[in-house]
Protein backbone atom coordinates (compact mmCIF):
# COMPACT_ATOMS: atom_id res chain seq x y z
CA MET A 1 100.96 136.06 81.14
CA THR A 2 98.53 133.18 80.54
CA ASP A 3 98.86 131.23 77.30
CA ASN A 4 95.36 130.86 75.82
CA SER A 5 96.41 129.44 72.47
CA PRO A 6 94.30 126.59 71.00
CA ALA A 7 97.15 124.13 71.54
CA THR A 8 97.43 125.03 75.22
CA ARG A 9 93.67 124.85 75.75
CA HIS A 10 93.66 121.42 74.07
CA ARG A 11 96.46 120.14 76.29
CA THR A 12 95.22 121.57 79.60
CA LEU A 13 92.66 119.57 81.57
CA SER A 14 89.73 121.03 83.50
CA PRO A 15 89.87 120.75 87.32
CA TRP A 16 87.44 117.82 87.47
CA ARG A 17 89.22 115.98 84.65
CA THR A 18 92.50 116.54 86.47
CA VAL A 19 91.06 115.09 89.67
CA VAL A 20 89.72 112.08 87.77
CA ALA A 21 93.02 111.60 85.92
CA PHE A 22 94.95 111.57 89.19
CA GLY A 23 92.36 109.13 90.49
CA LEU A 24 92.97 106.79 87.54
CA VAL A 25 96.72 106.90 88.18
CA SER A 26 96.07 105.98 91.79
CA LEU A 27 93.64 103.26 90.67
CA CYS A 28 96.36 101.56 88.62
CA ALA A 29 99.01 102.04 91.30
CA ASP A 30 96.69 100.68 93.98
CA LEU A 31 96.13 97.58 91.89
CA VAL A 32 99.85 97.05 92.40
CA TYR A 33 100.65 97.87 96.00
CA GLU A 34 97.28 97.20 97.59
CA GLY A 35 97.19 93.87 95.80
CA ALA A 36 100.52 93.09 97.42
CA ARG A 37 99.51 94.45 100.83
CA SER A 38 96.48 92.16 100.86
CA ILE A 39 98.83 89.18 101.09
CA THR A 40 101.81 90.72 102.92
CA GLY A 41 101.04 89.06 106.25
CA PRO A 42 100.68 85.52 104.84
CA LEU A 43 103.68 86.06 102.52
CA LEU A 44 105.94 87.04 105.41
CA GLY A 45 104.52 84.21 107.50
CA ALA A 46 105.29 81.71 104.72
CA LEU A 47 108.85 83.03 104.61
CA GLY A 48 109.26 82.36 108.34
CA ALA A 49 108.16 85.61 110.01
CA SER A 50 106.56 85.68 113.46
CA ALA A 51 103.66 87.93 114.47
CA LEU A 52 106.16 90.38 115.96
CA VAL A 53 108.13 90.53 112.70
CA VAL A 54 104.93 91.07 110.71
CA GLY A 55 103.85 93.83 113.08
CA VAL A 56 107.25 95.52 113.03
CA VAL A 57 107.74 95.32 109.25
CA THR A 58 104.24 96.47 108.33
CA GLY A 59 104.32 99.16 111.02
CA ALA A 60 107.80 100.29 109.96
CA GLY A 61 106.67 100.33 106.34
CA GLU A 62 103.76 102.60 107.14
CA ALA A 63 106.08 104.71 109.29
CA MET A 64 108.54 105.10 106.41
CA SER A 65 105.77 106.03 103.99
CA LEU A 66 104.84 108.79 106.41
CA LEU A 67 108.03 109.84 108.23
CA LEU A 68 110.10 110.32 105.09
CA ARG A 69 107.58 112.85 103.84
CA LEU A 70 109.11 115.19 106.41
CA ALA A 71 112.01 115.48 103.96
CA PHE A 72 110.21 115.17 100.63
CA GLY A 73 107.39 117.61 101.43
CA PRO A 74 109.69 120.61 102.03
CA MET A 75 111.85 119.43 99.11
CA ALA A 76 108.85 119.74 96.80
CA ASP A 77 108.03 123.25 98.05
CA ARG A 78 111.64 124.43 97.92
CA THR A 79 112.50 123.04 94.48
CA GLY A 80 109.10 123.20 92.79
CA ARG A 81 109.76 119.74 91.36
CA TYR A 82 106.33 118.37 92.21
CA TRP A 83 106.15 116.24 89.09
CA THR A 84 109.67 114.84 89.35
CA LEU A 85 109.00 113.59 92.87
CA THR A 86 105.58 112.24 91.93
CA LEU A 87 106.99 110.21 89.05
CA ALA A 88 109.98 108.93 91.05
CA GLY A 89 107.78 107.75 93.89
CA TYR A 90 105.43 105.83 91.64
CA ALA A 91 108.39 104.25 89.84
CA LEU A 92 109.72 102.78 93.11
CA THR A 93 106.36 101.18 93.82
CA VAL A 94 105.83 99.60 90.41
CA VAL A 95 109.34 98.10 90.45
CA CYS A 96 109.50 96.77 94.02
CA VAL A 97 106.14 95.01 94.20
CA PRO A 98 106.62 92.59 91.26
CA LEU A 99 110.10 91.78 92.60
CA LEU A 100 108.43 90.28 95.69
CA ALA A 101 107.55 87.37 93.40
CA VAL A 102 111.15 86.13 93.52
CA THR A 103 111.45 86.03 97.32
CA PRO A 104 110.02 82.50 97.82
CA ALA A 105 112.81 81.19 95.57
CA LEU A 106 115.60 82.83 97.61
CA GLY A 107 115.61 80.33 100.47
CA ALA A 108 116.88 81.72 103.78
CA ALA A 109 117.43 85.16 102.25
CA GLY A 110 113.82 85.42 101.08
CA LEU A 111 112.45 86.95 104.26
CA ALA A 112 115.12 89.66 104.43
CA VAL A 113 114.70 90.56 100.75
CA ALA A 114 110.91 90.67 101.09
CA CYS A 115 111.17 92.95 104.12
CA ALA A 116 113.55 95.26 102.22
CA LEU A 117 111.29 95.44 99.16
CA ILE A 118 108.24 96.18 101.30
CA LEU A 119 110.09 99.01 103.03
CA ILE A 120 111.45 100.47 99.76
CA GLU A 121 107.99 100.38 98.20
CA ARG A 122 106.63 102.30 101.20
CA ALA A 123 109.48 104.80 100.83
CA GLY A 124 108.27 105.39 97.27
CA LYS A 125 104.93 106.50 98.63
CA ALA A 126 106.74 108.99 100.86
CA VAL A 127 108.62 110.40 97.87
CA ARG A 128 105.49 111.07 95.84
CA SER A 129 102.67 111.80 98.27
CA PRO A 130 103.31 115.41 99.42
CA ALA A 131 103.99 116.56 95.84
CA LYS A 132 101.00 114.68 94.42
CA SER A 133 98.68 115.92 97.18
CA THR A 134 99.78 119.49 96.49
CA LEU A 135 99.03 119.15 92.78
CA LEU A 136 95.67 117.58 93.60
CA ALA A 137 94.75 120.21 96.21
CA ARG A 138 95.45 122.91 93.62
CA ALA A 139 93.22 121.22 91.03
CA ALA A 140 90.43 120.52 93.53
CA ALA A 141 90.26 124.06 94.94
CA THR A 142 87.55 125.13 92.48
CA VAL A 143 85.40 122.01 92.79
CA GLY A 144 85.46 121.63 96.59
CA ARG A 145 88.41 119.98 98.27
CA GLY A 146 86.26 117.56 100.23
CA ARG A 147 84.61 116.28 97.06
CA GLY A 148 87.82 116.46 95.05
CA PHE A 149 89.83 114.39 97.50
CA GLY A 150 86.82 112.12 98.01
CA VAL A 151 86.43 111.33 94.30
CA HIS A 152 90.18 110.79 93.97
CA LYS A 153 90.18 108.43 96.94
CA ALA A 154 87.13 106.56 95.63
CA LEU A 155 88.92 105.85 92.34
CA ASP A 156 92.02 104.96 94.33
CA GLN A 157 89.93 102.48 96.29
CA VAL A 158 88.58 100.88 93.12
CA GLY A 159 92.16 99.83 92.42
CA ALA A 160 92.60 98.81 96.03
CA PHE A 161 89.47 96.67 95.67
CA ALA A 162 90.47 95.13 92.34
CA GLY A 163 94.10 94.42 93.20
CA PRO A 164 93.33 91.89 95.94
CA LEU A 165 90.77 90.23 93.64
CA VAL A 166 93.49 89.73 91.03
CA VAL A 167 95.80 88.32 93.71
CA ALA A 168 93.06 86.03 95.02
CA ALA A 169 92.27 84.74 91.56
CA MET A 170 95.92 84.00 90.83
CA ILE A 171 96.41 82.21 94.15
CA ALA A 172 93.25 80.18 93.58
CA ALA A 173 94.47 79.23 90.09
CA THR A 174 98.09 78.40 90.99
CA GLY A 175 98.00 77.52 94.70
CA VAL A 176 101.04 79.74 95.40
CA ILE A 177 101.62 83.45 96.01
CA TRP A 178 104.46 84.46 93.66
CA PRO A 179 102.57 84.49 90.29
CA ALA A 180 100.01 86.86 91.79
CA LEU A 181 102.78 89.31 92.66
CA ALA A 182 104.47 89.03 89.25
CA VAL A 183 101.30 89.87 87.31
CA LEU A 184 101.03 93.19 89.17
CA ALA A 185 103.74 94.55 86.86
CA VAL A 186 101.04 95.13 84.21
CA PRO A 187 98.95 97.74 86.06
CA GLY A 188 102.21 99.24 87.31
CA ALA A 189 103.28 100.00 83.76
CA ALA A 190 99.83 101.45 83.02
CA ALA A 191 100.14 103.80 86.01
CA ILE A 192 103.45 105.21 84.79
CA LEU A 193 102.20 105.70 81.22
CA LEU A 194 99.04 107.47 82.42
CA LEU A 195 101.07 109.67 84.75
CA LEU A 196 103.38 110.72 81.91
CA TRP A 197 100.32 111.59 79.81
CA LEU A 198 98.91 113.66 82.66
CA ARG A 199 102.25 115.41 83.20
CA VAL A 200 102.07 116.95 79.72
CA ARG A 201 98.64 118.43 80.49
CA LEU A 202 99.19 119.75 84.02
CA PRO A 203 102.08 122.16 84.67
CA ASP A 204 103.87 122.68 87.95
CA PRO A 205 102.26 125.33 90.19
CA ALA A 206 103.46 128.76 89.06
CA PRO A 207 104.97 131.30 91.46
CA ALA A 208 101.81 133.38 91.06
CA ASP A 209 99.91 130.60 92.81
CA HIS A 210 101.87 131.35 96.01
CA PRO A 211 101.04 134.90 97.12
CA VAL A 212 102.23 134.43 100.72
CA PRO A 213 105.76 134.48 102.14
CA ALA A 214 108.16 131.65 101.32
CA PRO A 215 109.03 129.00 103.94
CA MET A 216 111.36 130.12 106.71
CA PRO A 217 114.98 129.07 106.23
CA GLY A 218 116.97 126.51 108.18
CA VAL A 219 116.05 123.37 110.09
CA ARG A 220 112.97 124.96 111.60
CA GLY A 221 111.59 125.57 108.13
CA TRP A 222 112.20 121.92 107.17
CA LEU A 223 110.41 120.81 110.34
CA GLY A 224 107.32 122.84 109.56
CA GLY A 225 108.04 125.92 111.67
CA GLY A 226 105.60 128.76 111.13
CA LEU A 227 102.63 126.62 110.13
CA PRO A 228 99.25 127.62 111.61
CA ARG A 229 98.63 126.49 115.19
CA PRO A 230 95.39 124.58 114.38
CA PHE A 231 97.44 122.42 112.01
CA TYR A 232 99.61 121.16 114.89
CA ARG A 233 96.56 120.35 117.00
CA PHE A 234 95.04 118.40 114.15
CA ALA A 235 98.31 116.54 113.55
CA ALA A 236 98.31 115.41 117.19
CA ALA A 237 94.74 114.13 116.88
CA ALA A 238 95.56 112.25 113.68
CA ALA A 239 98.65 110.72 115.29
CA ALA A 240 96.59 109.23 118.11
CA ALA A 241 94.07 107.86 115.61
CA THR A 242 96.83 106.34 113.48
CA GLY A 243 98.61 104.74 116.43
CA GLY A 244 95.34 103.18 117.53
CA LEU A 245 94.55 101.60 114.15
CA VAL A 246 96.22 98.23 113.51
CA THR A 247 97.73 97.46 110.10
CA PHE A 248 96.01 95.06 107.75
CA GLY A 249 99.18 92.99 107.86
CA LEU A 250 98.40 92.06 111.45
CA ILE A 251 94.69 91.60 110.69
CA SER A 252 95.47 89.23 107.81
CA TYR A 253 98.06 87.40 109.91
CA HIS A 254 95.45 86.89 112.65
CA ALA A 255 92.81 85.79 110.14
CA SER A 256 95.04 83.18 108.50
CA GLN A 257 96.79 81.94 111.65
CA THR A 258 93.50 81.35 113.47
CA GLY A 259 92.11 79.49 110.46
CA GLN A 260 89.01 81.69 110.38
CA VAL A 261 89.80 82.93 106.85
CA PRO A 262 91.44 80.66 104.21
CA LEU A 263 94.62 81.99 102.59
CA ALA A 264 92.99 82.44 99.18
CA ALA A 265 90.18 84.46 100.81
CA VAL A 266 92.47 86.93 102.62
CA PRO A 267 92.75 89.19 99.53
CA LEU A 268 88.95 89.13 99.25
CA LEU A 269 88.78 90.40 102.82
CA TYR A 270 91.08 93.25 101.84
CA SER A 271 88.94 94.01 98.78
CA ALA A 272 85.89 94.37 101.00
CA ALA A 273 87.83 96.76 103.22
CA MET A 274 88.90 98.84 100.22
CA ALA A 275 85.33 99.01 98.91
CA ALA A 276 84.25 100.32 102.30
CA GLY A 277 87.06 102.87 102.10
CA ALA A 278 85.79 104.15 98.75
CA VAL A 279 82.28 104.67 100.11
CA ALA A 280 83.60 106.31 103.28
CA ALA A 281 85.83 108.68 101.29
CA LEU A 282 82.98 109.83 99.05
CA ALA A 283 80.55 110.24 101.94
CA SER A 284 82.95 112.00 104.30
CA GLY A 285 84.25 114.26 101.50
CA HIS A 286 80.74 115.35 100.57
CA LEU A 287 79.83 115.97 104.21
CA TYR A 288 83.09 117.82 104.83
CA ASP A 289 82.21 120.42 102.20
CA ARG A 290 78.84 120.90 103.95
CA TRP A 291 79.65 120.43 107.66
CA GLY A 292 83.36 121.06 107.89
CA ALA A 293 85.74 119.18 110.20
CA ARG A 294 82.96 117.85 112.44
CA VAL A 295 82.59 114.90 110.07
CA LEU A 296 86.01 113.66 111.23
CA TYR A 297 84.61 112.67 114.63
CA ALA A 298 83.70 109.42 112.87
CA LEU A 299 87.39 108.52 112.48
CA PRO A 300 88.25 107.54 116.09
CA VAL A 301 84.93 105.70 116.37
CA LEU A 302 85.79 103.57 113.37
CA GLY A 303 89.37 103.18 114.61
CA ALA A 304 88.25 101.81 117.97
CA ALA A 305 85.65 99.40 116.58
CA ALA A 306 87.82 97.95 113.81
CA PRO A 307 90.47 96.06 115.87
CA ALA A 308 87.93 95.01 118.49
CA LEU A 309 86.14 93.04 115.77
CA ALA A 310 88.98 92.19 113.36
CA LEU A 311 91.13 90.56 116.08
CA SER A 312 88.33 88.41 117.45
CA ALA A 313 87.85 84.65 117.05
CA GLY A 314 84.81 84.68 114.76
CA THR A 315 84.83 84.86 110.97
CA ALA A 316 81.88 87.27 110.77
CA ALA A 317 83.49 89.61 113.30
CA ILE A 318 86.81 89.55 111.44
CA VAL A 319 85.03 90.47 108.20
CA ALA A 320 83.08 93.28 109.90
CA GLY A 321 86.21 94.60 111.58
CA SER A 322 88.10 94.58 108.31
CA VAL A 323 85.33 96.57 106.63
CA LEU A 324 85.39 99.16 109.42
CA TRP A 325 89.20 99.28 109.15
CA GLY A 326 88.85 100.04 105.44
CA ALA A 327 86.32 102.80 106.15
CA ALA A 328 88.71 104.39 108.65
CA VAL A 329 91.57 104.29 106.13
CA GLY A 330 89.31 105.83 103.47
CA VAL A 331 88.51 108.82 105.68
CA GLN A 332 92.10 109.09 106.88
CA ASP A 333 93.51 109.29 103.37
CA SER A 334 90.98 111.68 101.83
CA THR A 335 88.98 114.04 104.04
CA VAL A 336 91.87 114.42 106.47
CA LYS A 337 93.98 115.77 103.57
CA ALA A 338 91.24 118.22 102.63
CA LEU A 339 91.34 119.73 106.12
CA VAL A 340 95.14 120.03 106.00
CA ALA A 341 94.85 121.94 102.71
CA ASP A 342 92.29 124.29 104.25
CA LEU A 343 94.40 124.92 107.36
CA VAL A 344 97.67 125.73 105.54
CA PRO A 345 98.49 128.41 102.90
CA ALA A 346 99.44 127.25 99.39
CA PRO A 347 103.25 127.65 99.47
CA ARG A 348 103.55 125.54 102.61
CA ARG A 349 101.17 122.72 101.73
CA ALA A 350 103.73 120.14 100.65
CA THR A 351 105.72 120.97 103.80
CA ALA A 352 102.57 120.60 105.89
CA TYR A 353 101.66 117.31 104.23
CA GLY A 354 105.18 116.07 104.89
CA LEU A 355 105.18 117.05 108.56
CA PHE A 356 101.64 115.76 109.07
CA ALA A 357 102.56 112.42 107.56
CA ALA A 358 105.76 112.24 109.62
CA VAL A 359 103.77 112.63 112.82
CA GLN A 360 101.40 109.90 111.63
CA GLY A 361 104.39 107.76 110.69
CA ALA A 362 105.90 107.94 114.14
CA ALA A 363 102.53 106.93 115.53
CA ALA A 364 102.20 104.09 112.99
CA LEU A 365 105.60 102.70 113.94
CA ALA A 366 104.87 102.88 117.66
CA GLY A 367 101.42 101.40 117.09
CA GLY A 368 102.76 98.57 114.91
CA VAL A 369 105.39 97.57 117.46
CA LEU A 370 102.92 97.87 120.34
CA ALA A 371 100.29 95.81 118.49
CA GLY A 372 102.81 93.10 117.60
CA LEU A 373 104.01 92.81 121.20
CA LEU A 374 100.57 92.87 122.82
CA TYR A 375 99.10 90.49 120.23
CA GLU A 376 101.36 87.69 121.50
CA ARG A 377 100.52 88.43 125.14
CA SER A 378 96.89 89.51 125.47
CA LEU A 379 94.40 90.36 122.75
CA THR A 380 92.09 91.90 125.35
CA LEU A 381 94.79 94.27 126.56
CA LEU A 382 95.68 95.14 122.96
CA ILE A 383 92.08 96.10 122.14
CA VAL A 384 91.75 98.17 125.32
CA VAL A 385 94.97 100.08 124.65
CA LEU A 386 93.95 100.81 121.05
CA GLY A 387 90.55 102.01 122.27
CA LEU A 388 92.20 104.43 124.71
CA LEU A 389 94.32 105.86 121.89
CA GLN A 390 91.19 106.51 119.85
CA LEU A 391 89.56 108.19 122.84
CA LEU A 392 92.59 110.49 123.04
CA ALA A 393 92.19 111.21 119.32
CA MET A 394 88.55 112.16 119.86
CA VAL A 395 89.47 114.60 122.65
CA LEU A 396 92.26 116.21 120.62
CA LEU A 397 89.99 116.53 117.59
CA ALA A 398 87.35 118.25 119.72
CA VAL A 399 89.96 120.70 121.01
CA THR A 400 91.11 121.36 117.45
CA ASN A 401 87.61 122.06 116.17
CA HIS A 402 86.78 124.31 119.11
CA ALA A 403 89.95 126.37 118.67
CA THR A 404 89.38 126.64 114.92
CA ARG A 405 85.85 127.94 115.38
CA GLN A 406 87.05 130.49 117.93
CA SER A 407 89.82 131.83 115.65
């Protein structure tokens, strides 16, 4: 029975307010971890890392943030603890990032500690993302999932834009990296407080929200067995697109090592990329609700163009490539999730998000290692290989869309 008392109506948020509130949480959290990511490459380089180490650590971090969702997605569906996992994941992020500030003072151990903190922070994203995406998909169902995820991602990208600006300003003022990382504790605390406020006003999904059979038992259920066939096709397409998109860690490493972008300007480059991501998320989300999955054909195009420009020798090309990279990430982290929600029934969504992210994570790890190895051997070969991966993504996406229309 639904509680329609005045107190409950006062506490409960409307769907759009819920979407915006989640977006504000992500805005604050992105100030933290995107601010740190904007300087990860130069930070690791200053601590003694090579291009291969940067590629492996950033690729492994993205892989962890995706692969571990294979466990935490089904856990959310099985336990119903969507909020517990969301809060725990955000807590890991807001603790680990400010701790990076101490790594330059640790001498020889600094690089190892920095790598560990980066990986743990990425694990925090894996803990929270399937549960948070499920809560958001539920709230956005009545307003249009394309628009809902698009607005959420746009607010998320505002934080991703502002975080690097804060980092850049601190580096410009102090001449060193660590104070910029320490100050990120402030928006981290704001994210947790806002999330706790939102938790009071948005309950866990009730059993009545899940009118289809429960997940199948055993290992097969944990690995996503029984999900719709179009979902698996789409996951394969997204994996190819993810593997063919270099991390910003490698882009920033290239920009600073070639001298084309000064260290203090690297976070500004990341801010521009995040601004592009916000615009791309809003545009692709709006078009998704009108045109459907066809709008995602833009993703492999952006993914192929971004490294070709960002890993070049010219400053203007690096800036343009970084902007295209940000646009690709914006689509990948918003409209892609809307399609997953539309392909999978409600009680399996966290499981589907977990499996989908795990497939992307495996591709991110392979792509990060491959990019790090090829970067030190031949940039031309690296760009060609990444382009071929995006071509594969385009073909798989076309197959997915055709099969979905025929079903």
